[in-house]
Amino acid sequence: MKIRNNTIYFKSTKFNYYNEITGYKSNTIRILTPEENEEFINFVEYNKNKYINICRSDDSRKEFTRAITDITKIGELLGNMIYVISWRGE
């Protein structure tokens, strides 16, 4: 995870990336460490318009950016927070 201004950056597997960019799967589930969670909460609270950028984890330089439509905290696992981040499929 990386955050720059109003955009959060994640990597995705080749299979998931295809489903995400085509809109078949317009969300991602992320497990964040306590340190990442603190940064994430600041991102959520201080940015009215939020975006997600997803690139393929195989360093193929393929990526896309979408406006975030929903962020839901769905639980906690061993001190880490679990979120579903959704966007409108295109």
PDB file of N, CA and C in Angstrom:
ATOM      1  N   MET A   1       0.837  -1.179   0.000  1.00  0.00           N
ATOM      2  CA  MET A   1       0.000   0.000   0.000  1.00  0.00           C
ATOM      3  C   MET A   1       0.879   1.237   0.000  1.00  0.00           C
ATOM      4  N   LYS A   2       0.463   2.182  -0.830  1.00  0.00           N
ATOM      5  CA  LYS A   2       1.122   3.479  -0.863  1.00  0.00           C
ATOM      6  C   LYS A   2       0.021   4.529  -0.995  1.00  0.00           C
ATOM      7  N   ILE A   3       0.185   5.654  -0.343  1.00  0.00           N
ATOM      8  CA  ILE A   3      -0.794   6.735  -0.445  1.00  0.00           C
ATOM      9  C   ILE A   3      -0.078   7.993  -0.891  1.00  0.00           C
ATOM     10  N   ARG A   4      -0.641   8.617  -1.921  1.00  0.00           N
ATOM     11  CA  ARG A   4      -0.143   9.903  -2.402  1.00  0.00           C
ATOM     12  C   ARG A   4      -1.335  10.822  -2.618  1.00  0.00           C
ATOM     13  N   ASN A   5      -1.382  11.908  -1.848  1.00  0.00           N
ATOM     14  CA  ASN A   5      -2.492  12.867  -1.937  1.00  0.00           C
ATOM     15  C   ASN A   5      -3.822  12.149  -1.745  1.00  0.00           C
ATOM     16  N   ASN A   6      -4.713  12.177  -2.745  1.00  0.00           N
ATOM     17  CA  ASN A   6      -6.038  11.571  -2.583  1.00  0.00           C
ATOM     18  C   ASN A   6      -6.157  10.211  -3.289  1.00  0.00           C
ATOM     19  N   THR A   7      -5.013   9.558  -3.540  1.00  0.00           N
ATOM     20  CA  THR A   7      -5.014   8.267  -4.229  1.00  0.00           C
ATOM     21  C   THR A   7      -4.262   7.226  -3.406  1.00  0.00           C
ATOM     22  N   ILE A   8      -4.874   6.053  -3.302  1.00  0.00           N
ATOM     23  CA  ILE A   8      -4.249   4.928  -2.618  1.00  0.00           C
ATOM     24  C   ILE A   8      -3.844   3.906  -3.688  1.00  0.00           C
ATOM     25  N   TYR A   9      -2.668   3.335  -3.535  1.00  0.00           N
ATOM     26  CA  TYR A   9      -2.085   2.437  -4.533  1.00  0.00           C
ATOM     27  C   TYR A   9      -1.948   1.027  -3.975  1.00  0.00           C
ATOM     28  N   PHE A  10      -2.405   0.055  -4.759  1.00  0.00           N
ATOM     29  CA  PHE A  10      -2.269  -1.352  -4.399  1.00  0.00           C
ATOM     30  C   PHE A  10      -1.798  -2.139  -5.614  1.00  0.00           C
ATOM     31  N   LYS A  11      -1.250  -3.312  -5.352  1.00  0.00           N
ATOM     32  CA  LYS A  11      -0.893  -4.252  -6.419  1.00  0.00           C
ATOM     33  C   LYS A  11      -1.898  -5.395  -6.398  1.00  0.00           C
ATOM     34  N   SER A  12      -2.096  -6.002  -7.582  1.00  0.00           N
ATOM     35  CA  SER A  12      -3.053  -7.080  -7.712  1.00  0.00           C
ATOM     36  C   SER A  12      -2.469  -8.192  -8.586  1.00  0.00           C
ATOM     37  N   THR A  13      -2.887  -9.420  -8.334  1.00  0.00           N
ATOM     38  CA  THR A  13      -2.432 -10.539  -9.164  1.00  0.00           C
ATOM     39  C   THR A  13      -2.985 -10.387 -10.579  1.00  0.00           C
ATOM     40  N   LYS A  14      -2.375 -11.076 -11.514  1.00  0.00           N
ATOM     41  CA  LYS A  14      -2.794 -10.996 -12.923  1.00  0.00           C
ATOM     42  C   LYS A  14      -4.274 -11.376 -13.073  1.00  0.00           C
ATOM     43  N   PHE A  15      -4.692 -12.451 -12.420  1.00  0.00           N
ATOM     44  CA  PHE A  15      -6.083 -12.902 -12.503  1.00  0.00           C
ATOM     45  C   PHE A  15      -7.039 -11.865 -11.921  1.00  0.00           C
ATOM     46  N   ASN A  16      -6.759 -11.399 -10.696  1.00  0.00           N
ATOM     47  CA  ASN A  16      -7.636 -10.413 -10.067  1.00  0.00           C
ATOM     48  C   ASN A  16      -7.624  -9.097 -10.825  1.00  0.00           C
ATOM     49  N   TYR A  17      -6.476  -8.704 -11.328  1.00  0.00           N
ATOM     50  CA  TYR A  17      -6.364  -7.442 -12.073  1.00  0.00           C
ATOM     51  C   TYR A  17      -7.320  -7.447 -13.265  1.00  0.00           C
ATOM     52  N   TYR A  18      -7.353  -8.538 -14.016  1.00  0.00           N
ATOM     53  CA  TYR A  18      -8.245  -8.622 -15.181  1.00  0.00           C
ATOM     54  C   TYR A  18      -9.695  -8.433 -14.748  1.00  0.00           C
ATOM     55  N   ASN A  19     -10.112  -9.114 -13.691  1.00  0.00           N
ATOM     56  CA  ASN A  19     -11.490  -8.988 -13.208  1.00  0.00           C
ATOM     57  C   ASN A  19     -11.779  -7.590 -12.675  1.00  0.00           C
ATOM     58  N   GLU A  20     -10.798  -6.962 -12.078  1.00  0.00           N
ATOM     59  CA  GLU A  20     -10.986  -5.610 -11.532  1.00  0.00           C
ATOM     60  C   GLU A  20     -11.063  -4.555 -12.638  1.00  0.00           C
ATOM     61  N   ILE A  21     -10.174  -4.616 -13.608  1.00  0.00           N
ATOM     62  CA  ILE A  21     -10.167  -3.587 -14.648  1.00  0.00           C
ATOM     63  C   ILE A  21     -11.387  -3.699 -15.569  1.00  0.00           C
ATOM     64  N   THR A  22     -11.899  -4.924 -15.766  1.00  0.00           N
ATOM     65  CA  THR A  22     -13.059  -5.106 -16.640  1.00  0.00           C
ATOM     66  C   THR A  22     -14.373  -4.820 -15.926  1.00  0.00           C
ATOM     67  N   GLY A  23     -14.341  -4.697 -14.602  1.00  0.00           N
ATOM     68  CA  GLY A  23     -15.549  -4.403 -13.846  1.00  0.00           C
ATOM     69  C   GLY A  23     -16.273  -5.632 -13.327  1.00  0.00           C
ATOM     70  N   TYR A  24     -15.774  -6.839 -13.626  1.00  0.00           N
ATOM     71  CA  TYR A  24     -16.390  -8.052 -13.082  1.00  0.00           C
ATOM     72  C   TYR A  24     -16.271  -8.077 -11.565  1.00  0.00           C
ATOM     73  N   LYS A  25     -15.191  -7.520 -11.065  1.00  0.00           N
ATOM     74  CA  LYS A  25     -14.934  -7.459  -9.622  1.00  0.00           C
ATOM     75  C   LYS A  25     -14.515  -6.027  -9.306  1.00  0.00           C
ATOM     76  N   SER A  26     -15.453  -5.233  -8.836  1.00  0.00           N
ATOM     77  CA  SER A  26     -15.158  -3.813  -8.620  1.00  0.00           C
ATOM     78  C   SER A  26     -14.946  -3.501  -7.136  1.00  0.00           C
ATOM     79  N   ASN A  27     -14.168  -4.373  -6.488  1.00  0.00           N
ATOM     80  CA  ASN A  27     -13.787  -4.133  -5.098  1.00  0.00           C
ATOM     81  C   ASN A  27     -12.531  -4.937  -4.790  1.00  0.00           C
ATOM     82  N   THR A  28     -11.926  -4.604  -3.673  1.00  0.00           N
ATOM     83  CA  THR A  28     -10.749  -5.340  -3.216  1.00  0.00           C
ATOM     84  C   THR A  28     -10.817  -5.456  -1.701  1.00  0.00           C
ATOM     85  N   ILE A  29     -10.356  -6.565  -1.190  1.00  0.00           N
ATOM     86  CA  ILE A  29     -10.278  -6.767   0.259  1.00  0.00           C
ATOM     87  C   ILE A  29      -8.819  -6.613   0.653  1.00  0.00           C
ATOM     88  N   ARG A  30      -8.573  -5.781   1.650  1.00  0.00           N
ATOM     89  CA  ARG A  30      -7.197  -5.513   2.085  1.00  0.00           C
ATOM     90  C   ARG A  30      -7.071  -5.691   3.584  1.00  0.00           C
ATOM     91  N   ILE A  31      -5.981  -6.321   3.984  1.00  0.00           N
ATOM     92  CA  ILE A  31      -5.638  -6.483   5.395  1.00  0.00           C
ATOM     93  C   ILE A  31      -4.496  -5.511   5.682  1.00  0.00           C
ATOM     94  N   LEU A  32      -4.734  -4.596   6.611  1.00  0.00           N
ATOM     95  CA  LEU A  32      -3.759  -3.551   6.905  1.00  0.00           C
ATOM     96  C   LEU A  32      -3.176  -3.714   8.302  1.00  0.00           C
ATOM     97  N   THR A  33      -1.862  -3.558   8.390  1.00  0.00           N
ATOM     98  CA  THR A  33      -1.190  -3.585   9.687  1.00  0.00           C
ATOM     99  C   THR A  33      -1.624  -2.364  10.496  1.00  0.00           C
ATOM    100  N   PRO A  34      -1.368  -2.344  11.790  1.00  0.00           N
ATOM    101  CA  PRO A  34      -1.731  -1.166  12.585  1.00  0.00           C
ATOM    102  C   PRO A  34      -1.122   0.134  12.032  1.00  0.00           C
ATOM    103  N   GLU A  35       0.117   0.079  11.549  1.00  0.00           N
ATOM    104  CA  GLU A  35       0.749   1.278  10.987  1.00  0.00           C
ATOM    105  C   GLU A  35       0.060   1.705   9.694  1.00  0.00           C
ATOM    106  N   GLU A  36      -0.213   0.744   8.813  1.00  0.00           N
ATOM    107  CA  GLU A  36      -0.918   1.054   7.568  1.00  0.00           C
ATOM    108  C   GLU A  36      -2.320   1.559   7.858  1.00  0.00           C
ATOM    109  N   ASN A  37      -2.974   0.970   8.866  1.00  0.00           N
ATOM    110  CA  ASN A  37      -4.333   1.371   9.212  1.00  0.00           C
ATOM    111  C   ASN A  37      -4.388   2.834   9.649  1.00  0.00           C
ATOM    112  N   GLU A  38      -3.409   3.264  10.421  1.00  0.00           N
ATOM    113  CA  GLU A  38      -3.363   4.666  10.858  1.00  0.00           C
ATOM    114  C   GLU A  38      -3.249   5.594   9.648  1.00  0.00           C
ATOM    115  N   GLU A  39      -2.382   5.252   8.720  1.00  0.00           N
ATOM    116  CA  GLU A  39      -2.221   6.044   7.502  1.00  0.00           C
ATOM    117  C   GLU A  39      -3.503   6.009   6.663  1.00  0.00           C
ATOM    118  N   PHE A  40      -4.144   4.841   6.607  1.00  0.00           N
ATOM    119  CA  PHE A  40      -5.369   4.672   5.840  1.00  0.00           C
ATOM    120  C   PHE A  40      -6.506   5.511   6.419  1.00  0.00           C
ATOM    121  N   ILE A  41      -6.639   5.511   7.736  1.00  0.00           N
ATOM    122  CA  ILE A  41      -7.690   6.302   8.383  1.00  0.00           C
ATOM    123  C   ILE A  41      -7.504   7.788   8.080  1.00  0.00           C
ATOM    124  N   ASN A  42      -6.270   8.271   8.117  1.00  0.00           N
ATOM    125  CA  ASN A  42      -6.007   9.667   7.753  1.00  0.00           C
ATOM    126  C   ASN A  42      -6.398   9.930   6.300  1.00  0.00           C
ATOM    127  N   PHE A  43      -6.083   9.010   5.412  1.00  0.00           N
ATOM    128  CA  PHE A  43      -6.452   9.122   3.998  1.00  0.00           C
ATOM    129  C   PHE A  43      -7.967   9.252   3.856  1.00  0.00           C
ATOM    130  N   VAL A  44      -8.706   8.406   4.564  1.00  0.00           N
ATOM    131  CA  VAL A  44     -10.167   8.402   4.477  1.00  0.00           C
ATOM    132  C   VAL A  44     -10.748   9.695   5.040  1.00  0.00           C
ATOM    133  N   GLU A  45     -10.252  10.125   6.186  1.00  0.00           N
ATOM    134  CA  GLU A  45     -10.819  11.286   6.862  1.00  0.00           C
ATOM    135  C   GLU A  45     -10.514  12.609   6.175  1.00  0.00           C
ATOM    136  N   TYR A  46      -9.364  12.738   5.548  1.00  0.00           N
ATOM    137  CA  TYR A  46      -8.932  14.036   5.032  1.00  0.00           C
ATOM    138  C   TYR A  46      -9.098  14.222   3.532  1.00  0.00           C
ATOM    139  N   ASN A  47      -9.650  13.246   2.840  1.00  0.00           N
ATOM    140  CA  ASN A  47      -9.853  13.383   1.399  1.00  0.00           C
ATOM    141  C   ASN A  47     -11.324  13.196   1.061  1.00  0.00           C
ATOM    142  N   LYS A  48     -11.941  14.252   0.552  1.00  0.00           N
ATOM    143  CA  LYS A  48     -13.343  14.160   0.154  1.00  0.00           C
ATOM    144  C   LYS A  48     -13.478  13.240  -1.054  1.00  0.00           C
ATOM    145  N   ASN A  49     -12.682  13.475  -2.075  1.00  0.00           N
ATOM    146  CA  ASN A  49     -12.676  12.648  -3.275  1.00  0.00           C
ATOM    147  C   ASN A  49     -11.482  11.700  -3.193  1.00  0.00           C
ATOM    148  N   LYS A  50     -11.788  10.408  -3.144  1.00  0.00           N
ATOM    149  CA  LYS A  50     -10.734   9.411  -2.973  1.00  0.00           C
ATOM    150  C   LYS A  50     -10.659   8.526  -4.209  1.00  0.00           C
ATOM    151  N   TYR A  51      -9.439   8.120  -4.559  1.00  0.00           N
ATOM    152  CA  TYR A  51      -9.217   7.280  -5.731  1.00  0.00           C
ATOM    153  C   TYR A  51      -8.362   6.081  -5.351  1.00  0.00           C
ATOM    154  N   ILE A  52      -8.538   4.999  -6.112  1.00  0.00           N
ATOM    155  CA  ILE A  52      -7.715   3.814  -5.940  1.00  0.00           C
ATOM    156  C   ILE A  52      -7.009   3.546  -7.263  1.00  0.00           C
ATOM    157  N   ASN A  53      -5.732   3.250  -7.174  1.00  0.00           N
ATOM    158  CA  ASN A  53      -4.932   2.887  -8.342  1.00  0.00           C
ATOM    159  C   ASN A  53      -4.454   1.466  -8.115  1.00  0.00           C
ATOM    160  N   ILE A  54      -4.747   0.600  -9.069  1.00  0.00           N
ATOM    161  CA  ILE A  54      -4.330  -0.794  -8.960  1.00  0.00           C
ATOM    162  C   ILE A  54      -3.435  -1.126 -10.134  1.00  0.00           C
ATOM    163  N   CYS A  55      -2.277  -1.706  -9.811  1.00  0.00           N
ATOM    164  CA  CYS A  55      -1.359  -2.149 -10.866  1.00  0.00           C
ATOM    165  C   CYS A  55      -1.140  -3.646 -10.706  1.00  0.00           C
ATOM    166  N   ARG A  56      -0.733  -4.284 -11.791  1.00  0.00           N
ATOM    167  CA  ARG A  56      -0.451  -5.709 -11.733  1.00  0.00           C
ATOM    168  C   ARG A  56       0.829  -5.957 -10.958  1.00  0.00           C
ATOM    169  N   SER A  57       0.829  -6.997 -10.172  1.00  0.00           N
ATOM    170  CA  SER A  57       1.973  -7.297  -9.310  1.00  0.00           C
ATOM    171  C   SER A  57       3.156  -7.874 -10.069  1.00  0.00           C
ATOM    172  N   ASP A  58       2.984  -8.182 -11.361  1.00  0.00           N
ATOM    173  CA  ASP A  58       4.090  -8.750 -12.134  1.00  0.00           C
ATOM    174  C   ASP A  58       4.945  -7.677 -12.804  1.00  0.00           C
ATOM    175  N   ASP A  59       4.765  -6.431 -12.397  1.00  0.00           N
ATOM    176  CA  ASP A  59       5.547  -5.301 -12.909  1.00  0.00           C
ATOM    177  C   ASP A  59       5.406  -5.115 -14.423  1.00  0.00           C
ATOM    178  N   SER A  60       4.217  -5.415 -14.952  1.00  0.00           N
ATOM    179  CA  SER A  60       3.971  -5.246 -16.382  1.00  0.00           C
ATOM    180  C   SER A  60       3.636  -3.789 -16.725  1.00  0.00           C
ATOM    181  N   ARG A  61       3.567  -2.948 -15.714  1.00  0.00           N
ATOM    182  CA  ARG A  61       3.242  -1.528 -15.863  1.00  0.00           C
ATOM    183  C   ARG A  61       1.789  -1.286 -16.270  1.00  0.00           C
ATOM    184  N   LYS A  62       0.943  -2.293 -16.147  1.00  0.00           N
ATOM    185  CA  LYS A  62      -0.478  -2.122 -16.415  1.00  0.00           C
ATOM    186  C   LYS A  62      -1.131  -1.653 -15.131  1.00  0.00           C
ATOM    187  N   GLU A  63      -1.969  -0.622 -15.251  1.00  0.00           N
ATOM    188  CA  GLU A  63      -2.625  -0.066 -14.074  1.00  0.00           C
ATOM    189  C   GLU A  63      -3.888   0.657 -14.484  1.00  0.00           C
ATOM    190  N   PHE A  64      -4.736   0.924 -13.498  1.00  0.00           N
ATOM    191  CA  PHE A  64      -5.926   1.741 -13.726  1.00  0.00           C
ATOM    192  C   PHE A  64      -6.260   2.484 -12.433  1.00  0.00           C
ATOM    193  N   THR A  65      -7.018   3.556 -12.572  1.00  0.00           N
ATOM    194  CA  THR A  65      -7.431   4.368 -11.427  1.00  0.00           C
ATOM    195  C   THR A  65      -8.945   4.550 -11.489  1.00  0.00           C
ATOM    196  N   ARG A  66      -9.599   4.413 -10.350  1.00  0.00           N
ATOM    197  CA  ARG A  66     -11.047   4.585 -10.257  1.00  0.00           C
ATOM    198  C   ARG A  66     -11.370   5.410  -9.017  1.00  0.00           C
ATOM    199  N   ALA A  67     -12.515   6.084  -9.049  1.00  0.00           N
ATOM    200  CA  ALA A  67     -13.017   6.804  -7.876  1.00  0.00           C
ATOM    201  C   ALA A  67     -13.579   5.778  -6.892  1.00  0.00           C
ATOM    202  N   ILE A  68     -13.223   5.909  -5.634  1.00  0.00           N
ATOM    203  CA  ILE A  68     -13.711   5.006  -4.588  1.00  0.00           C
ATOM    204  C   ILE A  68     -15.150   5.384  -4.261  1.00  0.00           C
ATOM    205  N   THR A  69     -16.036   4.370  -4.227  1.00  0.00           N
ATOM    206  CA  THR A  69     -17.447   4.613  -3.913  1.00  0.00           C
ATOM    207  C   THR A  69     -17.817   4.177  -2.501  1.00  0.00           C
ATOM    208  N   ASP A  70     -17.029   3.261  -1.912  1.00  0.00           N
ATOM    209  CA  ASP A  70     -17.357   2.794  -0.570  1.00  0.00           C
ATOM    210  C   ASP A  70     -16.125   2.164   0.075  1.00  0.00           C
ATOM    211  N   ILE A  71     -16.003   2.378   1.368  1.00  0.00           N
ATOM    212  CA  ILE A  71     -14.970   1.720   2.174  1.00  0.00           C
ATOM    213  C   ILE A  71     -15.674   1.142   3.390  1.00  0.00           C
ATOM    214  N   THR A  72     -15.552  -0.170   3.574  1.00  0.00           N
ATOM    215  CA  THR A  72     -16.214  -0.840   4.686  1.00  0.00           C
ATOM    216  C   THR A  72     -15.184  -1.633   5.483  1.00  0.00           C
ATOM    217  N   LYS A  73     -15.134  -1.370   6.775  1.00  0.00           N
ATOM    218  CA  LYS A  73     -14.283  -2.165   7.662  1.00  0.00           C
ATOM    219  C   LYS A  73     -15.089  -3.404   8.029  1.00  0.00           C
ATOM    220  N   ILE A  74     -14.554  -4.584   7.675  1.00  0.00           N
ATOM    221  CA  ILE A  74     -15.331  -5.806   7.905  1.00  0.00           C
ATOM    222  C   ILE A  74     -14.815  -6.657   9.055  1.00  0.00           C
ATOM    223  N   GLY A  75     -13.683  -6.262   9.626  1.00  0.00           N
ATOM    224  CA  GLY A  75     -13.209  -7.042  10.753  1.00  0.00           C
ATOM    225  C   GLY A  75     -11.775  -6.757  11.128  1.00  0.00           C
ATOM    226  N   GLU A  76     -11.312  -7.609  12.032  1.00  0.00           N
ATOM    227  CA  GLU A  76      -9.949  -7.497  12.543  1.00  0.00           C
ATOM    228  C   GLU A  76      -9.381  -8.908  12.655  1.00  0.00           C
ATOM    229  N   LEU A  77      -8.107  -9.050  12.320  1.00  0.00           N
ATOM    230  CA  LEU A  77      -7.452 -10.352  12.385  1.00  0.00           C
ATOM    231  C   LEU A  77      -6.052 -10.180  12.956  1.00  0.00           C
ATOM    232  N   LEU A  78      -5.837 -10.706  14.136  1.00  0.00           N
ATOM    233  CA  LEU A  78      -4.524 -10.645  14.787  1.00  0.00           C
ATOM    234  C   LEU A  78      -3.977  -9.216  14.849  1.00  0.00           C
ATOM    235  N   GLY A  79      -4.841  -8.265  15.159  1.00  0.00           N
ATOM    236  CA  GLY A  79      -4.426  -6.872  15.281  1.00  0.00           C
ATOM    237  C   GLY A  79      -4.416  -6.106  13.970  1.00  0.00           C
ATOM    238  N   ASN A  80      -4.673  -6.785  12.863  1.00  0.00           N
ATOM    239  CA  ASN A  80      -4.728  -6.134  11.558  1.00  0.00           C
ATOM    240  C   ASN A  80      -6.183  -5.857  11.190  1.00  0.00           C
ATOM    241  N   MET A  81      -6.438  -4.747  10.493  1.00  0.00           N
ATOM    242  CA  MET A  81      -7.788  -4.374  10.085  1.00  0.00           C
ATOM    243  C   MET A  81      -8.073  -4.875   8.677  1.00  0.00           C
ATOM    244  N   ILE A  82      -9.311  -5.310   8.461  1.00  0.00           N
ATOM    245  CA  ILE A  82      -9.722  -5.823   7.153  1.00  0.00           C
ATOM    246  C   ILE A  82     -10.768  -4.877   6.569  1.00  0.00           C
ATOM    247  N   TYR A  83     -10.508  -4.414   5.337  1.00  0.00           N
ATOM    248  CA  TYR A  83     -11.392  -3.480   4.660  1.00  0.00           C
ATOM    249  C   TYR A  83     -11.791  -4.009   3.288  1.00  0.00           C
ATOM    250  N   VAL A  84     -13.003  -3.648   2.868  1.00  0.00           N
ATOM    251  CA  VAL A  84     -13.430  -3.817   1.484  1.00  0.00           C
ATOM    252  C   VAL A  84     -13.466  -2.413   0.890  1.00  0.00           C
ATOM    253  N   ILE A  85     -12.732  -2.205  -0.205  1.00  0.00           N
ATOM    254  CA  ILE A  85     -12.708  -0.922  -0.899  1.00  0.00           C
ATOM    255  C   ILE A  85     -13.390  -1.144  -2.250  1.00  0.00           C
ATOM    256  N   SER A  86     -14.435  -0.372  -2.533  1.00  0.00           N
ATOM    257  CA  SER A  86     -15.218  -0.555  -3.751  1.00  0.00           C
ATOM    258  C   SER A  86     -15.128   0.668  -4.654  1.00  0.00           C
ATOM    259  N   TRP A  87     -15.330   0.415  -5.945  1.00  0.00           N
ATOM    260  CA  TRP A  87     -15.358   1.488  -6.944  1.00  0.00           C
ATOM    261  C   TRP A  87     -16.389   1.116  -7.996  1.00  0.00           C
ATOM    262  N   ARG A  88     -16.785   2.081  -8.788  1.00  0.00           N
ATOM    263  CA  ARG A  88     -17.739   1.854  -9.852  1.00  0.00           C
ATOM    264  C   ARG A  88     -17.021   1.218 -11.021  1.00  0.00           C
ATOM    265  N   GLY A  89     -17.488   0.047 -11.463  1.00  0.00           N
ATOM    266  CA  GLY A  89     -16.869  -0.630 -12.594  1.00  0.00           C
ATOM    267  C   GLY A  89     -17.089   0.133 -13.886  1.00  0.00           C
ATOM    268  N   GLU A  90     -16.110   0.079 -14.765  1.00  0.00           N
ATOM    269  CA  GLU A  90     -16.230   0.801 -16.038  1.00  0.00           C
ATOM    270  C   GLU A  90     -16.034  -0.137 -17.198  1.00  0.00           C
TER     271      GLU A  90
END
